């Protein structure tokens, strides 16, 4: 259980970093790809934590 929380935290941090890098390169194609991947990774981490928190 402890390592699962670290994994979700790492996915969230990497997602936010990809979002920040993607914003810098948003006028090019790789920047938009990084924005999309970062957004999906961040949403995945938030949904995983919500499922873990609210599941009974």
PDB file of N, CA and C in Angstrom:
ATOM      1  N   UNK A   1       0.821  -1.191   0.000  1.00  0.00           N
ATOM      2  CA  UNK A   1       0.000   0.000   0.000  1.00  0.00           C
ATOM      3  C   UNK A   1       0.863   1.252   0.000  1.00  0.00           C
ATOM      4  N   UNK A   2       1.955   1.221   0.729  1.00  0.00           N
ATOM      5  CA  UNK A   2       2.831   2.387   0.814  1.00  0.00           C
ATOM      6  C   UNK A   2       3.443   2.720  -0.538  1.00  0.00           C
ATOM      7  N   UNK A   3       3.884   1.702  -1.271  1.00  0.00           N
ATOM      8  CA  UNK A   3       4.518   1.950  -2.564  1.00  0.00           C
ATOM      9  C   UNK A   3       3.505   2.416  -3.603  1.00  0.00           C
ATOM     10  N   UNK A   4       2.246   2.013  -3.462  1.00  0.00           N
ATOM     11  CA  UNK A   4       1.224   2.464  -4.401  1.00  0.00           C
ATOM     12  C   UNK A   4       1.043   3.980  -4.295  1.00  0.00           C
ATOM     13  N   UNK A   5       1.081   4.522  -3.097  1.00  0.00           N
ATOM     14  CA  UNK A   5       0.950   5.967  -2.926  1.00  0.00           C
ATOM     15  C   UNK A   5       2.128   6.701  -3.548  1.00  0.00           C
ATOM     16  N   UNK A   6       3.336   6.151  -3.418  1.00  0.00           N
ATOM     17  CA  UNK A   6       4.502   6.773  -4.038  1.00  0.00           C
ATOM     18  C   UNK A   6       4.402   6.729  -5.553  1.00  0.00           C
ATOM     19  N   UNK A   7       3.891   5.644  -6.098  1.00  0.00           N
ATOM     20  CA  UNK A   7       3.757   5.524  -7.547  1.00  0.00           C
ATOM     21  C   UNK A   7       2.789   6.564  -8.090  1.00  0.00           C
ATOM     22  N   UNK A   8       1.665   6.743  -7.436  1.00  0.00           N
ATOM     23  CA  UNK A   8       0.690   7.741  -7.874  1.00  0.00           C
ATOM     24  C   UNK A   8       1.278   9.141  -7.749  1.00  0.00           C
ATOM     25  N   UNK A   9       2.033   9.393  -6.687  1.00  0.00           N
ATOM     26  CA  UNK A   9       2.667  10.699  -6.512  1.00  0.00           C
ATOM     27  C   UNK A   9       3.681  10.968  -7.616  1.00  0.00           C
ATOM     28  N   UNK A  10       4.468   9.970  -7.975  1.00  0.00           N
ATOM     29  CA  UNK A  10       5.454  10.129  -9.048  1.00  0.00           C
ATOM     30  C   UNK A  10       4.755  10.375 -10.377  1.00  0.00           C
ATOM     31  N   UNK A  11       3.677   9.644 -10.653  1.00  0.00           N
ATOM     32  CA  UNK A  11       2.920   9.856 -11.893  1.00  0.00           C
ATOM     33  C   UNK A  11       2.365  11.274 -11.926  1.00  0.00           C
ATOM     34  N   UNK A  12       1.861  11.768 -10.790  1.00  0.00           N
ATOM     35  CA  UNK A  12       1.319  13.123 -10.727  1.00  0.00           C
ATOM     36  C   UNK A  12       2.407  14.161 -10.984  1.00  0.00           C
ATOM     37  N   UNK A  13       3.560  14.005 -10.356  1.00  0.00           N
ATOM     38  CA  UNK A  13       4.655  14.966 -10.523  1.00  0.00           C
ATOM     39  C   UNK A  13       5.171  14.958 -11.951  1.00  0.00           C
ATOM     40  N   UNK A  14       5.342  13.781 -12.535  1.00  0.00           N
ATOM     41  CA  UNK A  14       5.792  13.695 -13.928  1.00  0.00           C
ATOM     42  C   UNK A  14       4.755  14.316 -14.856  1.00  0.00           C
ATOM     43  N   UNK A  15       3.484  14.095 -14.578  1.00  0.00           N
ATOM     44  CA  UNK A  15       2.427  14.697 -15.389  1.00  0.00           C
ATOM     45  C   UNK A  15       2.454  16.211 -15.346  1.00  0.00           C
ATOM     46  N   UNK A  16       2.642  16.770 -14.161  1.00  0.00           N
ATOM     47  CA  UNK A  16       2.713  18.231 -14.036  1.00  0.00           C
ATOM     48  C   UNK A  16       3.953  18.767 -14.742  1.00  0.00           C
ATOM     49  N   UNK A  17       5.077  18.078 -14.617  1.00  0.00           N
ATOM     50  CA  UNK A  17       6.290  18.512 -15.320  1.00  0.00           C
ATOM     51  C   UNK A  17       6.096  18.476 -16.833  1.00  0.00           C
ATOM     52  N   UNK A  18       5.437  17.435 -17.339  1.00  0.00           N
ATOM     53  CA  UNK A  18       5.165  17.370 -18.774  1.00  0.00           C
ATOM     54  C   UNK A  18       4.227  18.490 -19.209  1.00  0.00           C
ATOM     55  N   UNK A  19       3.265  18.830 -18.370  1.00  0.00           N
ATOM     56  CA  UNK A  19       2.387  19.962 -18.676  1.00  0.00           C
ATOM     57  C   UNK A  19       3.182  21.262 -18.765  1.00  0.00           C
ATOM     58  N   UNK A  20       4.081  21.483 -17.823  1.00  0.00           N
ATOM     59  CA  UNK A  20       4.880  22.712 -17.816  1.00  0.00           C
ATOM     60  C   UNK A  20       5.788  22.778 -19.038  1.00  0.00           C
ATOM     61  N   UNK A  21       6.436  21.671 -19.368  1.00  0.00           N
ATOM     62  CA  UNK A  21       7.297  21.641 -20.556  1.00  0.00           C
ATOM     63  C   UNK A  21       6.460  21.812 -21.813  1.00  0.00           C
ATOM     64  N   UNK A  22       5.299  21.185 -21.854  1.00  0.00           N
ATOM     65  CA  UNK A  22       4.421  21.290 -23.016  1.00  0.00           C
ATOM     66  C   UNK A  22       3.923  22.701 -23.254  1.00  0.00           C
ATOM     67  N   UNK A  23       3.681  23.452 -22.177  1.00  0.00           N
ATOM     68  CA  UNK A  23       3.245  24.842 -22.334  1.00  0.00           C
ATOM     69  C   UNK A  23       4.351  25.660 -22.992  1.00  0.00           C
ATOM     70  N   UNK A  24       5.590  25.363 -22.657  1.00  0.00           N
ATOM     71  CA  UNK A  24       6.708  26.084 -23.266  1.00  0.00           C
ATOM     72  C   UNK A  24       6.852  25.814 -24.752  1.00  0.00           C
ATOM     73  N   UNK A  25       6.489  24.619 -25.184  1.00  0.00           N
ATOM     74  CA  UNK A  25       6.622  24.231 -26.594  1.00  0.00           C
ATOM     75  C   UNK A  25       5.269  24.088 -27.281  1.00  0.00           C
ATOM     76  N   UNK A  26       4.256  24.800 -26.826  1.00  0.00           N
ATOM     77  CA  UNK A  26       2.898  24.584 -27.340  1.00  0.00           C
ATOM     78  C   UNK A  26       2.718  25.013 -28.787  1.00  0.00           C
ATOM     79  N   UNK A  27       3.625  25.810 -29.321  1.00  0.00           N
ATOM     80  CA  UNK A  27       3.495  26.219 -30.720  1.00  0.00           C
ATOM     81  C   UNK A  27       4.031  25.157 -31.675  1.00  0.00           C
ATOM     82  N   UNK A  28       4.650  24.120 -31.150  1.00  0.00           N
ATOM     83  CA  UNK A  28       5.166  23.022 -31.975  1.00  0.00           C
ATOM     84  C   UNK A  28       4.388  21.744 -31.662  1.00  0.00           C
ATOM     85  N   UNK A  29       4.501  20.779 -32.544  1.00  0.00           N
ATOM     86  CA  UNK A  29       3.766  19.524 -32.379  1.00  0.00           C
ATOM     87  C   UNK A  29       4.168  18.747 -31.120  1.00  0.00           C
ATOM     88  N   UNK A  30       5.473  18.587 -30.818  1.00  0.00           N
ATOM     89  CA  UNK A  30       5.824  17.840 -29.596  1.00  0.00           C
ATOM     90  C   UNK A  30       5.298  18.494 -28.322  1.00  0.00           C
ATOM     91  N   UNK A  31       5.169  19.805 -28.327  1.00  0.00           N
ATOM     92  CA  UNK A  31       4.629  20.486 -27.152  1.00  0.00           C
ATOM     93  C   UNK A  31       3.187  20.113 -26.892  1.00  0.00           C
ATOM     94  N   UNK A  32       2.411  20.004 -27.947  1.00  0.00           N
ATOM     95  CA  UNK A  32       1.011  19.611 -27.781  1.00  0.00           C
ATOM     96  C   UNK A  32       0.905  18.163 -27.317  1.00  0.00           C
ATOM     97  N   UNK A  33       1.801  17.313 -27.798  1.00  0.00           N
ATOM     98  CA  UNK A  33       1.818  15.915 -27.350  1.00  0.00           C
ATOM     99  C   UNK A  33       2.161  15.853 -25.864  1.00  0.00           C
ATOM    100  N   UNK A  34       3.162  16.638 -25.440  1.00  0.00           N
ATOM    101  CA  UNK A  34       3.529  16.659 -24.025  1.00  0.00           C
ATOM    102  C   UNK A  34       2.396  17.209 -23.164  1.00  0.00           C
ATOM    103  N   UNK A  35       1.704  18.223 -23.659  1.00  0.00           N
ATOM    104  CA  UNK A  35       0.544  18.742 -22.929  1.00  0.00           C
ATOM    105  C   UNK A  35      -0.518  17.664 -22.742  1.00  0.00           C
ATOM    106  N   UNK A  36      -0.797  16.925 -23.795  1.00  0.00           N
ATOM    107  CA  UNK A  36      -1.805  15.871 -23.717  1.00  0.00           C
ATOM    108  C   UNK A  36      -1.407  14.751 -22.780  1.00  0.00           C
ATOM    109  N   UNK A  37      -0.163  14.308 -22.879  1.00  0.00           N
ATOM    110  CA  UNK A  37       0.308  13.232 -22.005  1.00  0.00           C
ATOM    111  C   UNK A  37       0.331  13.695 -20.554  1.00  0.00           C
ATOM    112  N   UNK A  38       0.783  14.916 -20.324  1.00  0.00           N
ATOM    113  CA  UNK A  38       0.807  15.454 -18.966  1.00  0.00           C
ATOM    114  C   UNK A  38      -0.578  15.578 -18.373  1.00  0.00           C
ATOM    115  N   UNK A  39      -1.528  16.031 -19.186  1.00  0.00           N
ATOM    116  CA  UNK A  39      -2.908  16.154 -18.716  1.00  0.00           C
ATOM    117  C   UNK A  39      -3.494  14.792 -18.377  1.00  0.00           C
ATOM    118  N   UNK A  40      -3.267  13.813 -19.242  1.00  0.00           N
ATOM    119  CA  UNK A  40      -3.802  12.470 -18.986  1.00  0.00           C
ATOM    120  C   UNK A  40      -3.161  11.846 -17.753  1.00  0.00           C
ATOM    121  N   UNK A  41      -1.854  12.034 -17.563  1.00  0.00           N
ATOM    122  CA  UNK A  41      -1.180  11.473 -16.392  1.00  0.00           C
ATOM    123  C   UNK A  41      -1.681  12.124 -15.106  1.00  0.00           C
ATOM    124  N   UNK A  42      -1.874  13.436 -15.142  1.00  0.00           N
ATOM    125  CA  UNK A  42      -2.368  14.140 -13.962  1.00  0.00           C
ATOM    126  C   UNK A  42      -3.793  13.713 -13.626  1.00  0.00           C
ATOM    127  N   UNK A  43      -4.641  13.624 -14.632  1.00  0.00           N
ATOM    128  CA  UNK A  43      -6.018  13.180 -14.395  1.00  0.00           C
ATOM    129  C   UNK A  43      -6.055  11.746 -13.883  1.00  0.00           C
ATOM    130  N   UNK A  44      -5.186  10.887 -14.415  1.00  0.00           N
ATOM    131  CA  UNK A  44      -5.121   9.502 -13.952  1.00  0.00           C
ATOM    132  C   UNK A  44      -4.780   9.451 -12.463  1.00  0.00           C
ATOM    133  N   UNK A  45      -3.793  10.236 -12.047  1.00  0.00           N
ATOM    134  CA  UNK A  45      -3.391  10.223 -10.642  1.00  0.00           C
ATOM    135  C   UNK A  45      -4.514  10.734  -9.744  1.00  0.00           C
ATOM    136  N   UNK A  46      -5.205  11.779 -10.170  1.00  0.00           N
ATOM    137  CA  UNK A  46      -6.299  12.333  -9.366  1.00  0.00           C
ATOM    138  C   UNK A  46      -7.450  11.336  -9.265  1.00  0.00           C
ATOM    139  N   UNK A  47      -7.793  10.692 -10.369  1.00  0.00           N
ATOM    140  CA  UNK A  47      -8.887   9.713 -10.356  1.00  0.00           C
ATOM    141  C   UNK A  47      -8.518   8.502  -9.504  1.00  0.00           C
ATOM    142  N   UNK A  48      -7.279   8.040  -9.595  1.00  0.00           N
ATOM    143  CA  UNK A  48      -6.851   6.903  -8.777  1.00  0.00           C
ATOM    144  C   UNK A  48      -6.966   7.222  -7.289  1.00  0.00           C
ATOM    145  N   UNK A  49      -6.528   8.415  -6.893  1.00  0.00           N
ATOM    146  CA  UNK A  49      -6.623   8.787  -5.485  1.00  0.00           C
ATOM    147  C   UNK A  49      -8.079   8.942  -5.053  1.00  0.00           C
ATOM    148  N   UNK A  50      -8.940   9.455  -5.930  1.00  0.00           N
ATOM    149  CA  UNK A  50     -10.357   9.591  -5.592  1.00  0.00           C
ATOM    150  C   UNK A  50     -11.007   8.225  -5.431  1.00  0.00           C
ATOM    151  N   UNK A  51     -10.675   7.300  -6.317  1.00  0.00           N
ATOM    152  CA  UNK A  51     -11.214   5.941  -6.205  1.00  0.00           C
ATOM    153  C   UNK A  51     -10.742   5.292  -4.912  1.00  0.00           C
ATOM    154  N   UNK A  52      -9.471   5.466  -4.595  1.00  0.00           N
ATOM    155  CA  UNK A  52      -8.929   4.888  -3.370  1.00  0.00           C
ATOM    156  C   UNK A  52      -9.574   5.513  -2.131  1.00  0.00           C
ATOM    157  N   UNK A  53      -9.840   6.799  -2.188  1.00  0.00           N
ATOM    158  CA  UNK A  53     -10.392   7.497  -1.031  1.00  0.00           C
ATOM    159  C   UNK A  53     -11.863   7.173  -0.812  1.00  0.00           C
ATOM    160  N   UNK A  54     -12.645   7.137  -1.888  1.00  0.00           N
ATOM    161  CA  UNK A  54     -14.090   6.993  -1.751  1.00  0.00           C
ATOM    162  C   UNK A  54     -14.593   5.559  -1.907  1.00  0.00           C
ATOM    163  N   UNK A  55     -13.727   4.617  -2.218  1.00  0.00           N
ATOM    164  CA  UNK A  55     -14.193   3.232  -2.323  1.00  0.00           C
ATOM    165  C   UNK A  55     -14.395   2.666  -0.916  1.00  0.00           C
ATOM    166  N   UNK A  56     -15.358   1.786  -0.820  1.00  0.00           N
ATOM    167  CA  UNK A  56     -15.656   1.244   0.515  1.00  0.00           C
ATOM    168  C   UNK A  56     -15.210  -0.178   0.681  1.00  0.00           C
TER     169      UNK A  56
END
